Every structure is written in structure tokens, then in C-alpha cells.
Protein backbone atom coordinates (compact mmCIF):
# COMPACT_ATOMS: atom_id res chain seq x y z
CA MET A 1 0.00 0.00 0.00
CA THR A 2 1.38 3.39 -0.95
CA LYS A 3 1.70 6.29 1.47
CA LYS A 4 -1.14 8.07 -0.36
CA GLU A 5 -3.41 5.02 0.00
CA ARG A 6 -2.60 4.76 3.72
CA THR A 7 -3.35 8.46 4.19
CA GLU A 8 -6.66 8.09 2.34
CA LYS A 9 -7.58 5.07 4.47
CA VAL A 10 -6.84 6.94 7.70
CA GLU A 11 -8.89 9.92 6.47
CA PHE A 12 -11.78 7.61 5.55
CA TRP A 13 -11.85 6.16 9.06
CA ARG A 14 -11.54 9.58 10.69
CA GLN A 15 -14.59 10.64 8.72
CA GLN A 16 -16.42 7.48 9.79
CA LEU A 17 -15.64 8.12 13.46
CA GLU A 18 -16.70 11.77 13.17
CA GLY A 19 -19.87 10.69 11.38
CA PHE A 20 -20.66 8.22 14.12
CA LEU A 21 -20.27 10.86 16.83
CA ALA A 22 -22.66 13.16 14.99
CA SER A 23 -25.16 10.41 14.13
CA GLY A 24 -26.63 9.64 17.53
CA LEU A 25 -26.76 5.97 16.54
CA SER A 26 -25.30 2.94 18.26
CA VAL A 27 -22.06 1.59 16.79
CA LYS A 28 -23.91 -1.43 15.42
CA ASP A 29 -26.60 0.67 13.72
CA TYR A 30 -24.11 3.21 12.34
CA CYS A 31 -21.90 0.48 10.88
CA ALA A 32 -24.89 -1.27 9.32
CA ARG A 33 -26.00 1.97 7.65
CA GLN A 34 -22.49 2.68 6.37
CA GLY A 35 -21.82 -0.90 5.27
CA ILE A 36 -18.72 -1.24 7.43
CA SER A 37 -17.63 -3.93 9.84
CA VAL A 38 -18.18 -3.32 13.56
CA ALA A 39 -14.84 -5.02 14.26
CA ASN A 40 -13.07 -2.67 11.83
CA TRP A 41 -14.82 0.33 13.42
CA TYR A 42 -13.50 -0.62 16.87
CA TYR A 43 -10.03 -1.32 15.46
CA TRP A 44 -9.83 2.13 13.88
CA ARG A 45 -11.33 3.84 16.92
CA LYS A 46 -8.55 2.33 19.03
CA ARG A 47 -5.87 3.11 16.46
CA LEU A 48 -6.91 6.71 15.80
CA GLY A 49 -7.68 7.38 19.44
CA LYS A 50 -3.97 6.97 20.15
CA SER A 51 -2.88 9.32 17.38
CA SER A 52 -1.81 12.82 18.20
CA GLY A 53 -4.21 14.43 15.75
CA PRO A 54 -7.02 16.34 17.48
CA ARG A 55 -9.57 15.88 14.68
CA VAL A 56 -11.48 13.11 16.42
CA MET A 57 -11.59 12.79 20.16
CA ILE A 58 -12.02 9.09 20.90
CA SER A 59 -10.11 8.59 24.09
CA GLY A 60 -12.32 6.52 26.33
CA ALA A 61 -11.65 9.05 29.10
CA GLU A 62 -14.67 10.20 31.04
CA GLU A 63 -15.54 13.79 30.42
CA PHE A 64 -18.37 15.89 31.73
CA LEU A 65 -20.03 18.76 29.96
CA PRO A 66 -22.23 21.37 31.59
CA VAL A 67 -25.91 20.62 31.23
CA ARG A 68 -28.65 23.22 31.29
CA LEU A 69 -32.05 21.83 32.17
CA ALA A 70 -35.14 23.34 30.63
CA GLU A 71 -38.43 23.29 32.45
CA MET A 72 -40.06 19.94 31.93
CA SER A 73 -43.57 18.71 32.42
CA SER A 74 -43.94 15.53 34.42
CA SER A 75 -44.95 13.63 31.28
CA MET A 76 -41.76 14.39 29.33
CA PRO A 77 -39.33 11.44 29.17
CA VAL A 78 -35.62 12.10 29.61
CA GLU A 79 -33.05 10.32 27.46
CA VAL A 80 -29.27 10.43 27.88
CA GLN A 81 -27.08 9.00 25.13
CA LEU A 82 -23.57 7.90 26.07
CA LEU A 83 -20.59 7.96 23.68
CA SER A 84 -20.72 4.17 23.67
CA GLY A 85 -24.08 4.44 21.93
CA ARG A 86 -26.05 3.21 24.92
CA ARG A 87 -29.11 5.23 25.89
CA LEU A 88 -30.55 5.76 29.33
CA LYS A 89 -34.28 6.53 29.29
CA PHE A 90 -36.22 7.82 32.27
CA SER A 91 -39.98 8.14 32.07
CA ALA A 92 -40.57 9.28 35.65
CA PRO A 93 -39.79 12.84 36.75
CA LEU A 94 -36.12 13.21 37.66
CA ASP A 95 -34.57 15.13 40.49
CA SER A 96 -31.85 17.35 38.97
CA ALA A 97 -29.46 16.09 41.69
CA TRP A 98 -29.52 12.66 39.99
CA LEU A 99 -28.04 14.13 36.85
């Protein structure tokens, strides 16, 4: 494989990882829609997560972002999506201290 081909392959996978982060889908669903292997996705996530380039942040480190809560009615469900693709759904009213 030439250097150009390797560079193109790395760029392809960076775009896939960025696309996944923006998609809101699980890894399995994203890969199915893109026609790519889940195993390859995890391989490239691990490989590119170790690179020094800041284009895609896939580190596995826990990070917290500030959250602003809007007023909610008691009938509104709350859903939290984790970077892993897992979703936490709460149908009962939540105390903001839980979050």
C-alpha cells in the first residue's frame, strides 16, 4: 500500500468516526447503515484514538459537559445517550441532583 493510500484510508476512518459521533446511533446501527464492519470500526477507533491528531476525540476518558435543564412537564421522558451508543431513558420525573 502506498503512502497516499494509507493516508486516504486513515482519512476515511476519521470521517467514519466523526460521522458516528454526529449520528446519535449505536455503533452497530451506524456500521450497518455505512456498510462497514463493527470489528473494523472498533479497530480504527482504538488506532486513531492513540494518534496525536485532534480531529477526532475518541479517548475513552470520562468527560463531563455542563448541562442546562429546561423546564419539563412531568410527562416528558428524559433520554441520555452515552458515547458508547447506549441510551438511558427515564420516564418518571427526575430530580436534577440525579443528573
